[in-house]
């Protein structure tokens, strides 16, 4: 693939940070937790910006006030699709940016490294699939690329209430998905308790 074609392809890619979950196990909003004085959501945003990607943040309505302290309102997409679970955030962003492909990141994958992200983007640039996801025993849907072509029929089903399951795994199983083997587990560590702290 020529550099020109790769550049055109990459121009469609939008970085999205998923922050709209309830964080029940953590007990507080994960995206606003801090490491070395920096909010987790900002750590993830910087990883995506370092790859020259535009970034938006997926939140629920209750988070709007808190996140406008960290991002402009244009960078925040409030959940507005009438389904349950984290798929709501992905489809809400897709509805606002229907022509963009999405590199989706969870706000708690703060150990993600540039090499893993770059390899994901390289696969996206060089192969023709609807979805690109890392997988060991199961898919890792929150460091993955979802193309507009793959998301369009999913959004249509959500709109007419014909989605049988609101599951990322189901979407990946039904779509044309490239499953990339995980060679290093540590970048995919996600946190349900604050690192270095033990809950009583």
N, C-alpha and C. Protein backbone atom coordinates (compact mmCIF):
# COMPACT_ATOMS: atom_id res chain seq x y z
N UNK A 1 0.85 -1.19 0.00
CA UNK A 1 0.00 0.00 0.00
C UNK A 1 0.89 1.25 0.00
N UNK A 2 0.61 2.19 -0.86
CA UNK A 2 1.45 3.38 -0.96
C UNK A 2 1.24 4.28 0.25
N UNK A 3 2.24 5.15 0.51
CA UNK A 3 2.13 6.08 1.62
C UNK A 3 0.93 7.00 1.46
N UNK A 4 0.64 7.38 0.20
CA UNK A 4 -0.49 8.27 -0.05
C UNK A 4 -1.80 7.60 0.32
N UNK A 5 -1.96 6.33 -0.08
CA UNK A 5 -3.19 5.61 0.25
C UNK A 5 -3.30 5.41 1.76
N UNK A 6 -2.17 5.07 2.40
CA UNK A 6 -2.19 4.89 3.85
C UNK A 6 -2.59 6.17 4.55
N UNK A 7 -2.09 7.30 4.08
CA UNK A 7 -2.41 8.58 4.70
C UNK A 7 -3.89 8.90 4.56
N UNK A 8 -4.46 8.63 3.37
CA UNK A 8 -5.89 8.87 3.18
C UNK A 8 -6.71 7.98 4.10
N UNK A 9 -6.27 6.72 4.25
CA UNK A 9 -6.97 5.78 5.11
C UNK A 9 -6.91 6.25 6.56
N UNK A 10 -5.73 6.67 6.99
CA UNK A 10 -5.54 7.10 8.37
C UNK A 10 -6.30 8.37 8.68
N UNK A 11 -6.52 9.21 7.68
CA UNK A 11 -7.27 10.44 7.89
C UNK A 11 -8.70 10.19 8.35
N UNK A 12 -9.22 8.99 8.12
CA UNK A 12 -10.57 8.64 8.55
C UNK A 12 -10.63 8.20 10.01
N UNK A 13 -9.47 7.96 10.61
CA UNK A 13 -9.44 7.32 11.93
C UNK A 13 -9.58 8.34 13.05
N UNK A 14 -10.53 8.07 13.95
CA UNK A 14 -10.84 8.94 15.09
C UNK A 14 -10.55 8.18 16.38
N UNK A 15 -9.77 8.78 17.27
CA UNK A 15 -9.55 8.18 18.58
C UNK A 15 -10.71 8.49 19.51
N UNK A 16 -11.23 7.44 20.16
CA UNK A 16 -12.38 7.61 21.07
C UNK A 16 -12.05 6.95 22.40
N UNK A 17 -12.24 7.71 23.49
CA UNK A 17 -12.00 7.19 24.83
C UNK A 17 -13.35 6.94 25.49
N UNK A 18 -13.58 5.72 25.91
CA UNK A 18 -14.87 5.32 26.48
C UNK A 18 -14.84 5.54 27.99
N UNK A 19 -15.65 6.50 28.46
CA UNK A 19 -15.68 6.85 29.89
C UNK A 19 -17.07 6.75 30.51
N UNK A 20 -18.05 6.31 29.76
CA UNK A 20 -19.43 6.41 30.23
C UNK A 20 -19.91 5.29 31.12
N UNK A 21 -19.03 4.34 31.49
CA UNK A 21 -19.47 3.25 32.35
C UNK A 21 -19.74 3.73 33.77
N UNK A 22 -20.38 2.84 34.55
CA UNK A 22 -20.76 3.22 35.92
C UNK A 22 -19.63 3.03 36.92
N UNK A 23 -18.57 2.30 36.55
CA UNK A 23 -17.40 2.09 37.43
C UNK A 23 -17.82 1.56 38.80
N UNK A 24 -18.74 0.59 38.82
CA UNK A 24 -19.27 0.09 40.10
C UNK A 24 -18.18 -0.57 40.94
N UNK A 25 -17.29 -1.35 40.29
CA UNK A 25 -16.26 -2.03 41.06
C UNK A 25 -15.21 -1.06 41.59
N UNK A 26 -14.92 -0.01 40.84
CA UNK A 26 -13.95 0.98 41.30
C UNK A 26 -14.54 1.86 42.38
N UNK A 27 -15.84 2.16 42.27
CA UNK A 27 -16.50 3.00 43.26
C UNK A 27 -16.46 4.48 42.94
N UNK A 28 -15.77 4.87 41.86
CA UNK A 28 -15.74 6.26 41.42
C UNK A 28 -15.44 6.28 39.93
N UNK A 29 -15.55 7.45 39.32
CA UNK A 29 -15.34 7.59 37.89
C UNK A 29 -13.88 7.30 37.55
N UNK A 30 -13.64 6.21 36.81
CA UNK A 30 -12.27 5.81 36.50
C UNK A 30 -11.51 6.88 35.72
N UNK A 31 -12.17 7.50 34.76
CA UNK A 31 -11.49 8.46 33.91
C UNK A 31 -10.91 9.63 34.67
N UNK A 32 -11.50 9.95 35.85
CA UNK A 32 -11.05 11.10 36.63
C UNK A 32 -10.02 10.74 37.70
N UNK A 33 -9.77 9.44 37.89
CA UNK A 33 -8.70 9.04 38.79
C UNK A 33 -7.37 9.53 38.24
N UNK A 34 -6.39 9.70 39.10
CA UNK A 34 -5.13 10.29 38.67
C UNK A 34 -3.94 9.36 38.88
N UNK A 35 -3.00 9.47 37.99
CA UNK A 35 -1.70 8.84 38.12
C UNK A 35 -0.65 9.93 37.90
N UNK A 36 0.22 10.09 38.88
CA UNK A 36 1.25 11.15 38.81
C UNK A 36 0.63 12.52 38.51
N UNK A 37 -0.53 12.77 39.13
CA UNK A 37 -1.17 14.07 39.01
C UNK A 37 -1.95 14.30 37.73
N UNK A 38 -2.11 13.26 36.92
CA UNK A 38 -2.82 13.41 35.64
C UNK A 38 -3.99 12.44 35.58
N UNK A 39 -5.15 12.93 35.17
CA UNK A 39 -6.34 12.09 35.06
C UNK A 39 -6.11 10.96 34.06
N UNK A 40 -6.64 9.79 34.38
CA UNK A 40 -6.46 8.64 33.48
C UNK A 40 -6.94 8.95 32.07
N UNK A 41 -8.06 9.64 31.95
CA UNK A 41 -8.60 9.93 30.62
C UNK A 41 -7.63 10.80 29.82
N UNK A 42 -6.92 11.70 30.50
CA UNK A 42 -5.93 12.53 29.81
C UNK A 42 -4.70 11.72 29.41
N UNK A 43 -4.35 10.72 30.21
CA UNK A 43 -3.24 9.83 29.86
C UNK A 43 -3.55 9.10 28.56
N UNK A 44 -4.78 8.57 28.47
CA UNK A 44 -5.18 7.86 27.24
C UNK A 44 -5.24 8.83 26.07
N UNK A 45 -5.77 10.02 26.30
CA UNK A 45 -5.86 11.02 25.23
C UNK A 45 -4.48 11.33 24.67
N UNK A 46 -3.50 11.48 25.53
CA UNK A 46 -2.14 11.79 25.07
C UNK A 46 -1.55 10.66 24.25
N UNK A 47 -1.87 9.41 24.60
CA UNK A 47 -1.38 8.27 23.82
C UNK A 47 -1.94 8.34 22.39
N UNK A 48 -3.21 8.71 22.25
CA UNK A 48 -3.83 8.79 20.93
C UNK A 48 -3.35 10.00 20.15
N UNK A 49 -3.21 11.12 20.82
CA UNK A 49 -2.71 12.33 20.17
C UNK A 49 -1.28 12.13 19.66
N UNK A 50 -0.48 11.35 20.39
CA UNK A 50 0.90 11.09 19.97
C UNK A 50 0.95 10.32 18.65
N UNK A 51 -0.16 9.68 18.29
CA UNK A 51 -0.26 8.96 17.01
C UNK A 51 -0.90 9.83 15.93
N UNK A 52 -1.03 11.12 16.23
CA UNK A 52 -1.60 12.10 15.29
C UNK A 52 -3.08 11.85 15.01
N UNK A 53 -3.79 11.34 16.00
CA UNK A 53 -5.22 11.10 15.85
C UNK A 53 -6.02 12.21 16.54
N UNK A 54 -7.12 12.66 15.92
CA UNK A 54 -8.06 13.51 16.65
C UNK A 54 -8.74 12.65 17.71
N UNK A 55 -9.15 13.26 18.81
CA UNK A 55 -9.67 12.50 19.95
C UNK A 55 -10.98 13.10 20.44
N UNK A 56 -11.97 12.24 20.70
CA UNK A 56 -13.18 12.64 21.41
C UNK A 56 -13.38 11.67 22.57
N UNK A 57 -14.18 12.11 23.54
CA UNK A 57 -14.40 11.34 24.76
C UNK A 57 -15.88 11.01 24.88
N UNK A 58 -16.18 9.74 25.06
CA UNK A 58 -17.55 9.27 25.21
C UNK A 58 -17.93 9.27 26.69
N UNK A 59 -18.99 10.00 27.04
CA UNK A 59 -19.41 10.11 28.44
C UNK A 59 -20.93 9.96 28.53
N UNK A 60 -21.42 9.78 29.77
CA UNK A 60 -22.86 9.85 29.98
C UNK A 60 -23.23 11.25 30.46
N UNK A 61 -24.49 11.54 30.49
CA UNK A 61 -24.95 12.91 30.77
C UNK A 61 -24.50 13.40 32.14
N UNK A 62 -24.44 12.50 33.13
CA UNK A 62 -24.07 12.90 34.48
C UNK A 62 -22.60 13.33 34.57
N UNK A 63 -21.79 12.95 33.58
CA UNK A 63 -20.37 13.28 33.63
C UNK A 63 -20.02 14.61 32.95
N UNK A 64 -20.98 15.24 32.32
CA UNK A 64 -20.70 16.41 31.48
C UNK A 64 -19.96 17.51 32.23
N UNK A 65 -20.43 17.87 33.42
CA UNK A 65 -19.83 18.97 34.15
C UNK A 65 -18.38 18.68 34.51
N UNK A 66 -18.11 17.46 34.99
CA UNK A 66 -16.75 17.10 35.39
C UNK A 66 -15.78 17.10 34.22
N UNK A 67 -16.24 16.58 33.08
CA UNK A 67 -15.32 16.42 31.96
C UNK A 67 -15.09 17.71 31.18
N UNK A 68 -15.98 18.68 31.33
CA UNK A 68 -15.72 19.97 30.69
C UNK A 68 -14.58 20.72 31.39
N UNK A 69 -14.15 20.24 32.54
CA UNK A 69 -12.98 20.80 33.19
C UNK A 69 -11.69 20.31 32.52
N UNK A 70 -11.79 19.22 31.74
CA UNK A 70 -10.62 18.62 31.12
C UNK A 70 -10.60 18.74 29.60
N UNK A 71 -11.79 18.83 29.00
CA UNK A 71 -11.90 18.84 27.54
C UNK A 71 -12.90 19.92 27.12
N UNK A 72 -12.78 20.36 25.88
CA UNK A 72 -13.79 21.28 25.35
C UNK A 72 -15.08 20.51 25.09
N UNK A 73 -16.18 21.22 25.01
CA UNK A 73 -17.47 20.55 24.77
C UNK A 73 -17.49 19.85 23.42
N UNK A 74 -16.75 20.37 22.45
CA UNK A 74 -16.69 19.74 21.13
C UNK A 74 -16.00 18.38 21.18
N UNK A 75 -15.19 18.17 22.20
CA UNK A 75 -14.47 16.90 22.33
C UNK A 75 -15.26 15.86 23.12
N UNK A 76 -16.43 16.23 23.62
CA UNK A 76 -17.24 15.32 24.44
C UNK A 76 -18.48 14.88 23.68
N UNK A 77 -18.72 13.58 23.64
CA UNK A 77 -19.92 13.02 23.01
C UNK A 77 -20.73 12.33 24.10
N UNK A 78 -21.91 12.88 24.38
CA UNK A 78 -22.77 12.32 25.42
C UNK A 78 -23.59 11.16 24.84
N UNK A 79 -23.67 10.06 25.59
CA UNK A 79 -24.47 8.91 25.16
C UNK A 79 -25.89 9.33 24.81
N UNK A 80 -26.36 8.90 23.64
CA UNK A 80 -27.73 9.25 23.27
C UNK A 80 -28.44 8.14 22.50
N UNK A 81 -27.81 6.97 22.39
CA UNK A 81 -28.44 5.82 21.75
C UNK A 81 -29.20 5.02 22.81
N UNK A 82 -30.41 4.58 22.49
CA UNK A 82 -31.27 3.92 23.47
C UNK A 82 -30.98 2.41 23.54
N UNK A 83 -29.77 2.07 24.01
CA UNK A 83 -29.42 0.68 24.28
C UNK A 83 -28.64 0.65 25.59
N UNK A 84 -28.34 -0.55 26.07
CA UNK A 84 -27.63 -0.69 27.33
C UNK A 84 -26.16 -1.03 27.09
N UNK A 85 -25.32 -0.74 28.10
CA UNK A 85 -23.94 -1.17 28.08
C UNK A 85 -23.01 -0.24 27.31
N UNK A 86 -21.73 -0.59 27.27
CA UNK A 86 -20.73 0.29 26.65
C UNK A 86 -20.89 0.44 25.14
N UNK A 87 -21.62 -0.46 24.49
CA UNK A 87 -21.89 -0.30 23.06
C UNK A 87 -22.62 1.01 22.79
N UNK A 88 -23.38 1.49 23.78
CA UNK A 88 -24.08 2.77 23.66
C UNK A 88 -23.11 3.90 23.34
N UNK A 89 -21.95 3.91 24.01
CA UNK A 89 -20.96 4.96 23.78
C UNK A 89 -20.38 4.91 22.39
N UNK A 90 -20.01 3.73 21.94
CA UNK A 90 -19.44 3.57 20.60
C UNK A 90 -20.42 4.01 19.52
N UNK A 91 -21.67 3.57 19.63
CA UNK A 91 -22.65 3.91 18.60
C UNK A 91 -23.06 5.38 18.67
N UNK A 92 -23.03 5.97 19.85
CA UNK A 92 -23.33 7.40 19.96
C UNK A 92 -22.28 8.23 19.23
N UNK A 93 -21.01 7.83 19.35
CA UNK A 93 -19.95 8.53 18.61
C UNK A 93 -20.10 8.28 17.12
N UNK A 94 -20.39 7.05 16.75
CA UNK A 94 -20.55 6.72 15.32
C UNK A 94 -21.68 7.53 14.70
N UNK A 95 -22.74 7.76 15.44
CA UNK A 95 -23.86 8.54 14.89
C UNK A 95 -23.44 9.99 14.63
N UNK A 96 -22.57 10.53 15.47
CA UNK A 96 -22.09 11.90 15.29
C UNK A 96 -21.02 11.96 14.19
N UNK A 97 -20.22 10.92 14.07
CA UNK A 97 -19.13 10.86 13.08
C UNK A 97 -19.31 9.63 12.19
N UNK A 98 -20.37 9.60 11.36
CA UNK A 98 -20.71 8.38 10.61
C UNK A 98 -19.68 7.98 9.55
N UNK A 99 -18.83 8.90 9.12
CA UNK A 99 -17.85 8.59 8.08
C UNK A 99 -16.48 8.22 8.63
N UNK A 100 -16.33 8.30 9.94
CA UNK A 100 -15.04 8.01 10.56
C UNK A 100 -14.96 6.56 11.04
N UNK A 101 -13.78 5.98 10.91
CA UNK A 101 -13.48 4.74 11.60
C UNK A 101 -12.99 5.12 12.99
N UNK A 102 -13.19 4.21 13.95
CA UNK A 102 -12.96 4.55 15.36
C UNK A 102 -11.93 3.62 15.99
N UNK A 103 -10.90 4.21 16.57
CA UNK A 103 -10.00 3.47 17.45
C UNK A 103 -10.50 3.69 18.86
N UNK A 104 -11.11 2.65 19.43
CA UNK A 104 -11.77 2.76 20.73
C UNK A 104 -10.83 2.32 21.84
N UNK A 105 -10.72 3.17 22.87
CA UNK A 105 -9.91 2.85 24.04
C UNK A 105 -10.74 3.03 25.30
N UNK A 106 -10.60 2.10 26.24
CA UNK A 106 -11.19 2.30 27.56
C UNK A 106 -10.33 3.27 28.34
N UNK A 107 -10.95 4.00 29.26
CA UNK A 107 -10.21 5.02 30.01
C UNK A 107 -9.28 4.42 31.05
N UNK A 108 -9.38 3.10 31.32
CA UNK A 108 -8.55 2.51 32.37
C UNK A 108 -7.40 1.66 31.83
N UNK A 109 -7.17 1.67 30.51
CA UNK A 109 -6.04 0.90 29.96
C UNK A 109 -4.82 1.82 29.94
N UNK A 110 -4.41 2.25 31.12
CA UNK A 110 -3.37 3.28 31.22
C UNK A 110 -1.97 2.72 30.98
N UNK A 111 -1.84 1.39 30.91
CA UNK A 111 -0.53 0.79 30.62
C UNK A 111 -0.34 0.51 29.13
N UNK A 112 -1.31 0.89 28.31
CA UNK A 112 -1.20 0.65 26.87
C UNK A 112 0.03 1.35 26.32
N UNK A 113 0.75 0.67 25.42
CA UNK A 113 1.99 1.25 24.89
C UNK A 113 1.86 1.59 23.41
N UNK A 114 2.78 2.42 22.97
CA UNK A 114 2.76 2.91 21.59
C UNK A 114 2.95 1.79 20.59
N UNK A 115 3.78 0.80 20.92
CA UNK A 115 4.04 -0.30 19.99
C UNK A 115 2.77 -1.09 19.68
N UNK A 116 1.99 -1.36 20.73
CA UNK A 116 0.75 -2.12 20.55
C UNK A 116 -0.26 -1.34 19.72
N UNK A 117 -0.38 -0.05 19.99
CA UNK A 117 -1.31 0.79 19.23
C UNK A 117 -0.86 0.94 17.79
N UNK A 118 0.43 1.11 17.58
CA UNK A 118 0.95 1.27 16.22
C UNK A 118 0.72 0.01 15.40
N UNK A 119 0.91 -1.15 16.02
CA UNK A 119 0.69 -2.41 15.30
C UNK A 119 -0.78 -2.55 14.91
N UNK A 120 -1.68 -2.16 15.80
CA UNK A 120 -3.11 -2.19 15.49
C UNK A 120 -3.42 -1.31 14.28
N UNK A 121 -2.87 -0.11 14.27
CA UNK A 121 -3.11 0.82 13.17
C UNK A 121 -2.49 0.30 11.87
N UNK A 122 -1.32 -0.32 11.97
CA UNK A 122 -0.69 -0.89 10.78
C UNK A 122 -1.57 -1.97 10.15
N UNK A 123 -2.19 -2.80 10.99
CA UNK A 123 -3.08 -3.84 10.48
C UNK A 123 -4.31 -3.21 9.80
N UNK A 124 -4.83 -2.18 10.42
CA UNK A 124 -5.97 -1.45 9.86
C UNK A 124 -5.62 -0.83 8.50
N UNK A 125 -4.42 -0.28 8.39
CA UNK A 125 -4.00 0.36 7.16
C UNK A 125 -3.77 -0.62 6.01
N UNK A 126 -3.41 -1.85 6.34
CA UNK A 126 -2.95 -2.77 5.30
C UNK A 126 -3.93 -3.89 4.97
N UNK A 127 -5.03 -4.04 5.74
CA UNK A 127 -5.93 -5.16 5.50
C UNK A 127 -7.39 -4.68 5.46
N UNK A 128 -8.22 -5.45 4.77
CA UNK A 128 -9.61 -5.07 4.54
C UNK A 128 -10.55 -5.87 5.45
N UNK A 129 -10.79 -5.33 6.64
CA UNK A 129 -11.72 -5.93 7.59
C UNK A 129 -12.64 -4.84 8.12
N UNK A 130 -13.75 -5.25 8.73
CA UNK A 130 -14.66 -4.29 9.36
C UNK A 130 -14.19 -3.91 10.77
N UNK A 131 -13.62 -4.89 11.47
CA UNK A 131 -13.19 -4.68 12.84
C UNK A 131 -11.79 -5.27 13.02
N UNK A 132 -10.98 -4.61 13.85
CA UNK A 132 -9.62 -5.05 14.13
C UNK A 132 -9.47 -5.11 15.64
N UNK A 133 -9.19 -6.31 16.17
CA UNK A 133 -9.21 -6.47 17.62
C UNK A 133 -8.08 -7.41 18.05
N UNK A 134 -7.47 -7.08 19.17
CA UNK A 134 -6.50 -7.99 19.78
C UNK A 134 -7.24 -9.12 20.49
N UNK A 135 -6.63 -10.30 20.48
CA UNK A 135 -7.29 -11.43 21.12
C UNK A 135 -6.26 -12.43 21.63
N UNK A 136 -6.50 -12.93 22.85
CA UNK A 136 -5.80 -14.11 23.34
C UNK A 136 -6.86 -15.20 23.48
N UNK A 137 -7.38 -15.41 24.69
CA UNK A 137 -8.47 -16.37 24.86
C UNK A 137 -9.80 -15.75 24.42
N UNK A 138 -9.89 -14.44 24.52
CA UNK A 138 -11.10 -13.71 24.10
C UNK A 138 -10.67 -12.35 23.55
N UNK A 139 -11.56 -11.72 22.84
CA UNK A 139 -11.25 -10.43 22.21
C UNK A 139 -11.14 -9.33 23.27
N UNK A 140 -10.29 -8.36 22.98
CA UNK A 140 -10.14 -7.17 23.83
C UNK A 140 -10.81 -6.00 23.09
N UNK A 141 -12.10 -5.77 23.34
CA UNK A 141 -12.86 -4.81 22.52
C UNK A 141 -12.56 -3.36 22.80
N UNK A 142 -11.80 -3.06 23.87
CA UNK A 142 -11.58 -1.66 24.25
C UNK A 142 -10.19 -1.16 23.91
N UNK A 143 -9.50 -1.89 23.06
CA UNK A 143 -8.35 -1.37 22.31
C UNK A 143 -8.49 -2.00 20.94
N UNK A 144 -9.37 -1.43 20.13
CA UNK A 144 -9.75 -2.05 18.86
C UNK A 144 -10.22 -0.96 17.89
N UNK A 145 -10.23 -1.31 16.62
CA UNK A 145 -10.70 -0.38 15.59
C UNK A 145 -12.01 -0.90 15.00
N UNK A 146 -12.98 -0.02 14.93
CA UNK A 146 -14.31 -0.31 14.40
C UNK A 146 -14.54 0.61 13.20
N UNK A 147 -14.69 0.04 12.01
CA UNK A 147 -14.86 0.87 10.82
C UNK A 147 -16.30 1.35 10.70
N UNK A 148 -16.48 2.47 10.01
CA UNK A 148 -17.82 2.99 9.77
C UNK A 148 -18.65 1.98 8.98
N UNK A 149 -17.99 1.28 8.07
CA UNK A 149 -18.68 0.25 7.28
C UNK A 149 -19.23 -0.86 8.17
N UNK A 150 -18.47 -1.26 9.16
CA UNK A 150 -18.94 -2.30 10.07
C UNK A 150 -19.98 -1.83 11.06
N UNK A 151 -19.88 -0.56 11.47
CA UNK A 151 -20.80 -0.04 12.49
C UNK A 151 -22.15 0.36 11.92
N UNK A 152 -22.20 0.69 10.64
CA UNK A 152 -23.46 1.17 10.05
C UNK A 152 -24.62 0.20 10.27
N UNK A 153 -24.48 -1.10 9.93
CA UNK A 153 -25.62 -2.00 10.15
C UNK A 153 -25.93 -2.22 11.63
N UNK A 154 -24.94 -2.10 12.49
CA UNK A 154 -25.18 -2.24 13.93
C UNK A 154 -26.02 -1.07 14.43
N UNK A 155 -25.70 0.15 13.99
CA UNK A 155 -26.49 1.32 14.38
C UNK A 155 -27.92 1.20 13.85
N UNK A 156 -28.08 0.73 12.63
CA UNK A 156 -29.43 0.58 12.07
C UNK A 156 -30.26 -0.39 12.91
N UNK A 157 -29.64 -1.47 13.36
CA UNK A 157 -30.36 -2.43 14.21
C UNK A 157 -30.69 -1.82 15.57
N UNK A 158 -29.77 -1.02 16.10
CA UNK A 158 -30.04 -0.36 17.38
C UNK A 158 -31.21 0.61 17.26
N UNK A 159 -31.27 1.32 16.15
CA UNK A 159 -32.35 2.28 15.94
C UNK A 159 -33.71 1.62 15.83
N UNK A 160 -33.76 0.45 15.18
CA UNK A 160 -35.07 -0.21 15.05
C UNK A 160 -35.29 -1.30 16.09
N UNK A 161 -34.44 -1.27 17.15
CA UNK A 161 -34.59 -2.16 18.30
C UNK A 161 -34.53 -3.64 17.92
N UNK A 162 -33.68 -3.95 16.94
CA UNK A 162 -33.57 -5.34 16.51
C UNK A 162 -32.23 -5.98 16.87
N UNK A 163 -31.42 -5.29 17.69
CA UNK A 163 -30.19 -5.90 18.18
C UNK A 163 -30.56 -6.98 19.19
N UNK A 164 -30.11 -8.19 18.95
CA UNK A 164 -30.46 -9.28 19.86
C UNK A 164 -29.68 -9.21 21.16
N UNK A 165 -28.41 -8.74 21.08
CA UNK A 165 -27.58 -8.59 22.28
C UNK A 165 -26.74 -7.32 22.16
N UNK A 166 -26.59 -6.62 23.28
CA UNK A 166 -25.80 -5.39 23.29
C UNK A 166 -24.37 -5.73 23.70
N UNK A 167 -23.74 -6.61 22.93
CA UNK A 167 -22.46 -7.18 23.30
C UNK A 167 -21.40 -6.91 22.24
N UNK A 168 -20.24 -6.43 22.67
CA UNK A 168 -19.14 -6.26 21.72
C UNK A 168 -18.72 -7.60 21.12
N UNK A 169 -18.71 -8.63 21.93
CA UNK A 169 -18.29 -9.94 21.42
C UNK A 169 -19.22 -10.41 20.32
N UNK A 170 -20.51 -10.18 20.47
CA UNK A 170 -21.47 -10.56 19.43
C UNK A 170 -21.24 -9.77 18.16
N UNK A 171 -21.00 -8.47 18.27
CA UNK A 171 -20.73 -7.63 17.11
C UNK A 171 -19.49 -8.13 16.37
N UNK A 172 -18.44 -8.45 17.14
CA UNK A 172 -17.20 -8.93 16.53
C UNK A 172 -17.38 -10.29 15.88
N UNK A 173 -18.18 -11.15 16.50
CA UNK A 173 -18.42 -12.49 15.94
C UNK A 173 -19.21 -12.42 14.64
N UNK A 174 -20.12 -11.48 14.54
CA UNK A 174 -20.97 -11.39 13.35
C UNK A 174 -20.33 -10.58 12.22
N UNK A 175 -19.38 -9.72 12.55
CA UNK A 175 -18.73 -8.89 11.54
C UNK A 175 -17.52 -9.58 10.93
N UNK A 176 -16.92 -8.91 9.96
CA UNK A 176 -15.68 -9.37 9.35
C UNK A 176 -14.54 -8.83 10.21
N UNK A 177 -14.03 -9.68 11.09
CA UNK A 177 -13.13 -9.23 12.15
C UNK A 177 -11.74 -9.85 12.00
N UNK A 178 -10.71 -9.01 12.05
CA UNK A 178 -9.34 -9.48 12.14
C UNK A 178 -8.98 -9.58 13.61
N UNK A 179 -8.59 -10.77 14.03
CA UNK A 179 -8.22 -11.02 15.43
C UNK A 179 -6.70 -11.11 15.50
N UNK A 180 -6.09 -10.14 16.16
CA UNK A 180 -4.64 -10.01 16.20
C UNK A 180 -4.13 -10.68 17.48
N UNK A 181 -3.21 -11.64 17.38
CA UNK A 181 -2.72 -12.32 18.58
C UNK A 181 -2.03 -11.36 19.55
N UNK A 182 -2.32 -11.53 20.82
CA UNK A 182 -1.65 -10.75 21.87
C UNK A 182 -0.33 -11.42 22.21
N UNK A 183 0.75 -10.68 22.09
CA UNK A 183 2.07 -11.22 22.43
C UNK A 183 2.55 -10.73 23.79
N UNK A 184 2.04 -9.60 24.25
CA UNK A 184 2.39 -9.05 25.56
C UNK A 184 1.11 -8.64 26.27
N UNK A 185 0.87 -9.20 27.47
CA UNK A 185 -0.40 -8.97 28.16
C UNK A 185 -0.47 -7.64 28.90
N UNK A 186 0.68 -7.14 29.36
CA UNK A 186 0.66 -6.00 30.28
C UNK A 186 -0.03 -4.75 29.73
N UNK A 187 0.05 -4.44 28.41
CA UNK A 187 -0.64 -3.24 27.94
C UNK A 187 -2.16 -3.30 28.10
N UNK A 188 -2.70 -4.51 28.23
CA UNK A 188 -4.16 -4.67 28.28
C UNK A 188 -4.68 -4.74 29.71
N UNK A 189 -3.81 -4.52 30.69
CA UNK A 189 -4.26 -4.53 32.08
C UNK A 189 -5.23 -3.40 32.30
N UNK A 190 -6.40 -3.74 32.85
CA UNK A 190 -7.34 -2.68 33.22
C UNK A 190 -7.55 -2.73 34.73
N UNK A 191 -7.94 -1.61 35.27
CA UNK A 191 -7.96 -1.47 36.72
C UNK A 191 -9.38 -1.31 37.24
N UNK A 192 -9.74 -2.19 38.22
CA UNK A 192 -11.00 -2.07 38.91
C UNK A 192 -10.81 -1.64 40.36
N UNK A 193 -9.54 -1.49 40.75
CA UNK A 193 -9.20 -0.84 42.00
C UNK A 193 -8.05 0.10 41.70
N UNK A 194 -7.80 1.07 42.55
CA UNK A 194 -6.76 2.05 42.30
C UNK A 194 -5.40 1.37 42.45
N UNK A 195 -4.51 1.47 41.44
CA UNK A 195 -3.20 0.83 41.52
C UNK A 195 -2.45 1.27 42.78
N UNK A 196 -1.90 0.27 43.48
CA UNK A 196 -1.12 0.58 44.67
C UNK A 196 -1.95 0.72 45.94
N UNK A 197 -3.29 0.62 45.78
CA UNK A 197 -4.16 0.73 46.95
C UNK A 197 -4.95 -0.56 47.11
N UNK A 198 -5.28 -0.90 48.35
CA UNK A 198 -6.08 -2.09 48.63
C UNK A 198 -7.35 -1.66 49.32
N UNK A 199 -8.46 -2.06 48.77
CA UNK A 199 -9.74 -1.67 49.37
C UNK A 199 -10.04 -2.56 50.55
N UNK A 200 -10.59 -1.96 51.63
CA UNK A 200 -10.90 -2.71 52.84
C UNK A 200 -12.15 -3.56 52.62
